[in-house]
Amino acid sequence: MELIITGKNMEISDRVQEYVDKKAGRLDRYLRGIDEASLELTRESAKSTEDRHIAQLTVRVKGTILRAEERAADVFTAFDAVMDKMYRQIIRYKTRRRGRGRAREEELQPPIEEYEEEAPRQIVRTKRFVVLPMDDEEAAEQMELLGHDFFLFLNASTGDLNVIYRRWDGNYGLIEPDVP
């Protein structure tokens, strides 16, 4: 497994590097076949000291991307929290694979710690609506008017379906699917 560690608004000290390498190296025990793991550690200047450090971990395995993000007062706590969240996502990912008959029972057992298994999620509502052509700004305005965190629309300039969403920092993100 290749682990890429980047720092944003902070230097990655040797102590942090060793700590991350040791803990993230255990991901292979939980999930075999990880192609790449990427960790971004960010330090923000915020009024609240409790949310100054952000750890975002992205794991790529067999065409699937697992991502977790956590905030904490110091970089070590943020990293530990993001690792816990990633372990839970890995277990959920393996459980779904097992449901399709692809994962062996022993693959599902975490080697060190036990986590509570979450109840399976169900689709409880289906919604249909007319997708109108509009530009990004119109879609963002429509999303705000509806009070949603995301909005699906037909991009007038490209003719493709896009999703605009509100990011945690208050800005917007745009998802433009690239179908092979």
C-alpha atoms as a PDB file:
ATOM      1  CA  MET A   1       0.000   0.000   0.000  1.00  0.00           C
ATOM      2  CA  GLU A   2       1.308   3.417  -0.947  1.00  0.00           C
ATOM      3  CA  LEU A   3       0.601   6.097   1.673  1.00  0.00           C
ATOM      4  CA  ILE A   4       0.755   9.731   0.571  1.00  0.00           C
ATOM      5  CA  ILE A   5       0.790  12.321   3.356  1.00  0.00           C
ATOM      6  CA  THR A   6       0.356  16.001   2.565  1.00  0.00           C
ATOM      7  CA  GLY A   7       0.161  18.995   4.832  1.00  0.00           C
ATOM      8  CA  LYS A   8      -1.864  22.090   4.131  1.00  0.00           C
ATOM      9  CA  ASN A   9      -0.913  25.198   6.130  1.00  0.00           C
ATOM     10  CA  MET A  10       1.392  23.043   8.251  1.00  0.00           C
ATOM     11  CA  GLU A  11       4.664  21.149   8.153  1.00  0.00           C
ATOM     12  CA  ILE A  12       4.540  17.382   8.613  1.00  0.00           C
ATOM     13  CA  SER A  13       7.041  16.749  11.409  1.00  0.00           C
ATOM     14  CA  ASP A  14       9.010  13.519  11.733  1.00  0.00           C
ATOM     15  CA  ARG A  15       6.972  12.642  14.842  1.00  0.00           C
ATOM     16  CA  VAL A  16       3.686  13.028  12.953  1.00  0.00           C
ATOM     17  CA  GLN A  17       5.106  11.108   9.959  1.00  0.00           C
ATOM     18  CA  GLU A  18       6.146   8.153  12.143  1.00  0.00           C
ATOM     19  CA  TYR A  19       2.825   8.121  14.011  1.00  0.00           C
ATOM     20  CA  VAL A  20       0.806   8.170  10.787  1.00  0.00           C
ATOM     21  CA  ASP A  21       2.967   5.516   9.104  1.00  0.00           C
ATOM     22  CA  LYS A  22       2.591   3.190  12.091  1.00  0.00           C
ATOM     23  CA  LYS A  23      -1.176   3.567  12.460  1.00  0.00           C
ATOM     24  CA  ALA A  24      -2.091   3.790   8.755  1.00  0.00           C
ATOM     25  CA  GLY A  25       0.085   0.768   8.007  1.00  0.00           C
ATOM     26  CA  ARG A  26      -2.523  -1.292   9.849  1.00  0.00           C
ATOM     27  CA  LEU A  27      -5.124  -0.587   7.157  1.00  0.00           C
ATOM     28  CA  ASP A  28      -3.716  -3.544   5.197  1.00  0.00           C
ATOM     29  CA  ARG A  29      -4.815  -5.834   8.034  1.00  0.00           C
ATOM     30  CA  TYR A  30      -8.394  -4.658   7.677  1.00  0.00           C
ATOM     31  CA  LEU A  31      -8.610  -4.466   3.905  1.00  0.00           C
ATOM     32  CA  ARG A  32      -6.377  -6.321   1.490  1.00  0.00           C
ATOM     33  CA  GLY A  33      -5.689  -4.930  -1.948  1.00  0.00           C
ATOM     34  CA  ILE A  34      -5.498  -1.234  -1.097  1.00  0.00           C
ATOM     35  CA  ASP A  35      -4.008   0.506  -4.114  1.00  0.00           C
ATOM     36  CA  GLU A  36      -3.339   3.859  -2.494  1.00  0.00           C
ATOM     37  CA  ALA A  37      -4.079   5.715   0.703  1.00  0.00           C
ATOM     38  CA  SER A  38      -3.898   9.492   0.817  1.00  0.00           C
ATOM     39  CA  LEU A  39      -3.933  11.552   4.006  1.00  0.00           C
ATOM     40  CA  GLU A  40      -4.293  15.335   3.984  1.00  0.00           C
ATOM     41  CA  LEU A  41      -3.606  17.106   7.260  1.00  0.00           C
ATOM     42  CA  THR A  42      -4.790  20.708   7.396  1.00  0.00           C
ATOM     43  CA  ARG A  43      -4.383  23.405  10.003  1.00  0.00           C
ATOM     44  CA  GLU A  44      -6.944  26.196   9.920  1.00  0.00           C
ATOM     45  CA  SER A  45      -6.992  29.403  11.836  1.00  0.00           C
ATOM     46  CA  ALA A  46     -10.384  29.296  13.486  1.00  0.00           C
ATOM     47  CA  LYS A  47     -11.955  30.951  16.495  1.00  0.00           C
ATOM     48  CA  SER A  48     -12.665  27.566  18.012  1.00  0.00           C
ATOM     49  CA  THR A  49      -9.491  25.732  19.023  1.00  0.00           C
ATOM     50  CA  GLU A  50     -11.420  22.458  18.998  1.00  0.00           C
ATOM     51  CA  ASP A  51     -11.657  22.330  15.194  1.00  0.00           C
ATOM     52  CA  ARG A  52      -8.254  23.632  14.146  1.00  0.00           C
ATOM     53  CA  HIS A  53      -6.799  20.434  12.692  1.00  0.00           C
ATOM     54  CA  ILE A  54      -8.506  18.488   9.925  1.00  0.00           C
ATOM     55  CA  ALA A  55      -7.527  14.994   8.810  1.00  0.00           C
ATOM     56  CA  GLN A  56      -8.958  13.669   5.550  1.00  0.00           C
ATOM     57  CA  LEU A  57      -8.146  10.074   4.601  1.00  0.00           C
ATOM     58  CA  THR A  58      -8.908   8.651   1.149  1.00  0.00           C
ATOM     59  CA  VAL A  59      -8.412   4.951   0.380  1.00  0.00           C
ATOM     60  CA  ARG A  60      -8.616   3.529  -3.129  1.00  0.00           C
ATOM     61  CA  VAL A  61      -9.297  -0.192  -3.412  1.00  0.00           C
ATOM     62  CA  LYS A  62     -10.388  -2.089  -6.528  1.00  0.00           C
ATOM     63  CA  GLY A  63     -12.155   0.846  -8.153  1.00  0.00           C
ATOM     64  CA  THR A  64     -13.867   1.957  -4.942  1.00  0.00           C
ATOM     65  CA  ILE A  65     -13.005   5.110  -3.021  1.00  0.00           C
ATOM     66  CA  LEU A  66     -13.504   5.281   0.741  1.00  0.00           C
ATOM     67  CA  ARG A  67     -13.155   8.712   2.338  1.00  0.00           C
ATOM     68  CA  ALA A  68     -13.310   9.982   5.921  1.00  0.00           C
ATOM     69  CA  GLU A  69     -12.757  13.424   7.433  1.00  0.00           C
ATOM     70  CA  GLU A  70     -12.505  14.508  11.063  1.00  0.00           C
ATOM     71  CA  ARG A  71     -11.633  17.697  12.967  1.00  0.00           C
ATOM     72  CA  ALA A  72      -9.972  18.078  16.345  1.00  0.00           C
ATOM     73  CA  ALA A  73      -7.874  20.398  18.496  1.00  0.00           C
ATOM     74  CA  ASP A  74      -4.592  18.670  17.633  1.00  0.00           C
ATOM     75  CA  VAL A  75      -3.339  16.702  14.650  1.00  0.00           C
ATOM     76  CA  PHE A  76      -2.956  13.384  16.509  1.00  0.00           C
ATOM     77  CA  THR A  77      -6.539  13.417  17.799  1.00  0.00           C
ATOM     78  CA  ALA A  78      -7.861  14.316  14.342  1.00  0.00           C
ATOM     79  CA  PHE A  79      -5.864  11.488  12.787  1.00  0.00           C
ATOM     80  CA  ASP A  80      -7.034   8.927  15.375  1.00  0.00           C
ATOM     81  CA  ALA A  81     -10.659   9.979  14.828  1.00  0.00           C
ATOM     82  CA  VAL A  82     -10.356   9.712  11.036  1.00  0.00           C
ATOM     83  CA  MET A  83      -8.806   6.232  11.379  1.00  0.00           C
ATOM     84  CA  ASP A  84     -11.723   5.083  13.564  1.00  0.00           C
ATOM     85  CA  LYS A  85     -14.161   6.407  10.996  1.00  0.00           C
ATOM     86  CA  MET A  86     -12.257   4.676   8.174  1.00  0.00           C
ATOM     87  CA  TYR A  87     -12.314   1.339  10.026  1.00  0.00           C
ATOM     88  CA  ARG A  88     -16.100   1.582  10.294  1.00  0.00           C
ATOM     89  CA  GLN A  89     -16.355   2.386   6.562  1.00  0.00           C
ATOM     90  CA  ILE A  90     -14.149  -0.584   5.696  1.00  0.00           C
ATOM     91  CA  ILE A  91     -16.354  -2.924   7.723  1.00  0.00           C
ATOM     92  CA  ARG A  92     -19.470  -1.507   6.037  1.00  0.00           C
ATOM     93  CA  TYR A  93     -17.793  -1.901   2.604  1.00  0.00           C
ATOM     94  CA  LYS A  94     -16.884  -5.526   3.326  1.00  0.00           C
ATOM     95  CA  THR A  95     -20.362  -6.269   4.659  1.00  0.00           C
ATOM     96  CA  ARG A  96     -21.902  -5.003   1.428  1.00  0.00           C
ATOM     97  CA  ARG A  97     -19.473  -7.118  -0.582  1.00  0.00           C
ATOM     98  CA  ARG A  98     -20.349 -10.159   1.517  1.00  0.00           C
ATOM     99  CA  GLY A  99     -24.018  -9.511   0.834  1.00  0.00           C
ATOM    100  CA  ARG A 100     -23.219  -9.906  -2.844  1.00  0.00           C
ATOM    101  CA  GLY A 101     -21.363 -13.172  -2.135  1.00  0.00           C
ATOM    102  CA  ARG A 102     -17.840 -11.866  -2.690  1.00  0.00           C
ATOM    103  CA  ALA A 103     -16.307 -11.473   0.775  1.00  0.00           C
ATOM    104  CA  ARG A 104     -15.341 -14.384   3.012  1.00  0.00           C
ATOM    105  CA  GLU A 105     -16.564 -14.365   6.614  1.00  0.00           C
ATOM    106  CA  GLU A 106     -13.024 -14.157   8.045  1.00  0.00           C
ATOM    107  CA  GLU A 107     -12.349 -11.024   5.956  1.00  0.00           C
ATOM    108  CA  LEU A 108     -15.093  -9.218   7.839  1.00  0.00           C
ATOM    109  CA  GLN A 109     -13.539  -9.636  11.257  1.00  0.00           C
ATOM    110  CA  PRO A 110     -11.329  -6.726  12.285  1.00  0.00           C
ATOM    111  CA  PRO A 111      -8.018  -8.080  13.588  1.00  0.00           C
ATOM    112  CA  ILE A 112      -7.685  -5.870  16.668  1.00  0.00           C
ATOM    113  CA  GLU A 113     -10.859  -4.066  17.697  1.00  0.00           C
ATOM    114  CA  GLU A 114     -14.558  -4.797  17.437  1.00  0.00           C
ATOM    115  CA  TYR A 115     -16.963  -2.192  16.094  1.00  0.00           C
ATOM    116  CA  GLU A 116     -20.727  -2.198  16.348  1.00  0.00           C
ATOM    117  CA  GLU A 117     -22.343  -3.172  13.106  1.00  0.00           C
ATOM    118  CA  GLU A 118     -24.707  -0.553  11.769  1.00  0.00           C
ATOM    119  CA  ALA A 119     -28.205  -1.423  10.639  1.00  0.00           C
ATOM    120  CA  PRO A 120     -28.429  -1.769   6.861  1.00  0.00           C
ATOM    121  CA  ARG A 121     -29.689   1.369   5.183  1.00  0.00           C
ATOM    122  CA  GLN A 122     -32.749   1.209   2.988  1.00  0.00           C
ATOM    123  CA  ILE A 123     -34.200   3.391   0.280  1.00  0.00           C
ATOM    124  CA  VAL A 124     -37.357   4.697   1.927  1.00  0.00           C
ATOM    125  CA  ARG A 125     -38.417   7.260  -0.641  1.00  0.00           C
ATOM    126  CA  THR A 126     -38.168   7.714  -4.382  1.00  0.00           C
ATOM    127  CA  LYS A 127     -38.568  11.162  -5.854  1.00  0.00           C
ATOM    128  CA  ARG A 128     -39.035  12.106  -9.499  1.00  0.00           C
ATOM    129  CA  PHE A 129     -38.663  15.583 -10.916  1.00  0.00           C
ATOM    130  CA  VAL A 130     -38.088  17.277 -14.235  1.00  0.00           C
ATOM    131  CA  VAL A 131     -34.427  18.056 -14.844  1.00  0.00           C
ATOM    132  CA  LEU A 132     -34.151  21.446 -16.496  1.00  0.00           C
ATOM    133  CA  PRO A 133     -31.133  22.821 -18.349  1.00  0.00           C
ATOM    134  CA  MET A 134     -29.412  25.598 -16.370  1.00  0.00           C
ATOM    135  CA  ASP A 135     -25.954  26.922 -15.581  1.00  0.00           C
ATOM    136  CA  ASP A 136     -24.019  26.399 -12.330  1.00  0.00           C
ATOM    137  CA  GLU A 137     -25.137  29.645 -10.731  1.00  0.00           C
ATOM    138  CA  GLU A 138     -28.819  28.977 -11.441  1.00  0.00           C
ATOM    139  CA  ALA A 139     -28.455  25.493  -9.965  1.00  0.00           C
ATOM    140  CA  ALA A 140     -26.836  26.885  -6.796  1.00  0.00           C
ATOM    141  CA  GLU A 141     -29.649  29.409  -6.451  1.00  0.00           C
ATOM    142  CA  GLN A 142     -32.278  26.699  -6.953  1.00  0.00           C
ATOM    143  CA  MET A 143     -30.565  24.505  -4.348  1.00  0.00           C
ATOM    144  CA  GLU A 144     -30.603  27.367  -1.833  1.00  0.00           C
ATOM    145  CA  LEU A 145     -34.263  28.106  -2.550  1.00  0.00           C
ATOM    146  CA  LEU A 146     -35.142  24.468  -1.876  1.00  0.00           C
ATOM    147  CA  GLY A 147     -33.017  24.382   1.281  1.00  0.00           C
ATOM    148  CA  HIS A 148     -31.106  21.286   0.134  1.00  0.00           C
ATOM    149  CA  ASP A 149     -27.419  20.407   0.469  1.00  0.00           C
ATOM    150  CA  PHE A 150     -27.208  19.194  -3.135  1.00  0.00           C
ATOM    151  CA  PHE A 151     -29.048  19.627  -6.421  1.00  0.00           C
ATOM    152  CA  LEU A 152     -29.101  17.557  -9.628  1.00  0.00           C
ATOM    153  CA  PHE A 153     -29.398  19.543 -12.853  1.00  0.00           C
ATOM    154  CA  LEU A 154     -28.809  19.366 -16.598  1.00  0.00           C
ATOM    155  CA  ASN A 155     -25.805  21.557 -17.392  1.00  0.00           C
ATOM    156  CA  ALA A 156     -26.923  23.857 -20.224  1.00  0.00           C
ATOM    157  CA  SER A 157     -23.390  24.330 -21.565  1.00  0.00           C
ATOM    158  CA  THR A 158     -22.356  20.641 -21.659  1.00  0.00           C
ATOM    159  CA  GLY A 159     -25.688  18.827 -21.862  1.00  0.00           C
ATOM    160  CA  ASP A 160     -24.607  16.473 -19.034  1.00  0.00           C
ATOM    161  CA  LEU A 161     -26.203  15.749 -15.680  1.00  0.00           C
ATOM    162  CA  ASN A 162     -24.273  17.489 -12.885  1.00  0.00           C
ATOM    163  CA  VAL A 163     -24.646  17.730  -9.130  1.00  0.00           C
ATOM    164  CA  ILE A 164     -23.922  20.903  -7.199  1.00  0.00           C
ATOM    165  CA  TYR A 165     -23.483  20.601  -3.448  1.00  0.00           C
ATOM    166  CA  ARG A 166     -22.749  22.761  -0.414  1.00  0.00           C
ATOM    167  CA  ARG A 167     -19.344  22.079   1.122  1.00  0.00           C
ATOM    168  CA  TRP A 168     -18.645  22.181   4.858  1.00  0.00           C
ATOM    169  CA  ASP A 169     -16.772  25.486   4.398  1.00  0.00           C
ATOM    170  CA  GLY A 170     -19.878  27.206   2.941  1.00  0.00           C
ATOM    171  CA  ASN A 171     -18.676  27.151  -0.678  1.00  0.00           C
ATOM    172  CA  TYR A 172     -20.101  24.988  -3.440  1.00  0.00           C
ATOM    173  CA  GLY A 173     -18.766  21.900  -5.173  1.00  0.00           C
ATOM    174  CA  LEU A 174     -19.696  20.635  -8.638  1.00  0.00           C
ATOM    175  CA  ILE A 175     -19.708  16.985  -9.649  1.00  0.00           C
ATOM    176  CA  GLU A 176     -19.349  16.375 -13.364  1.00  0.00           C
ATOM    177  CA  PRO A 177     -19.602  12.606 -14.017  1.00  0.00           C
ATOM    178  CA  ASP A 178     -17.194  11.199 -16.565  1.00  0.00           C
ATOM    179  CA  VAL A 179     -18.758   8.036 -17.965  1.00  0.00           C
ATOM    180  CA  PRO A 180     -16.199   5.825 -19.721  1.00  0.00           C
END
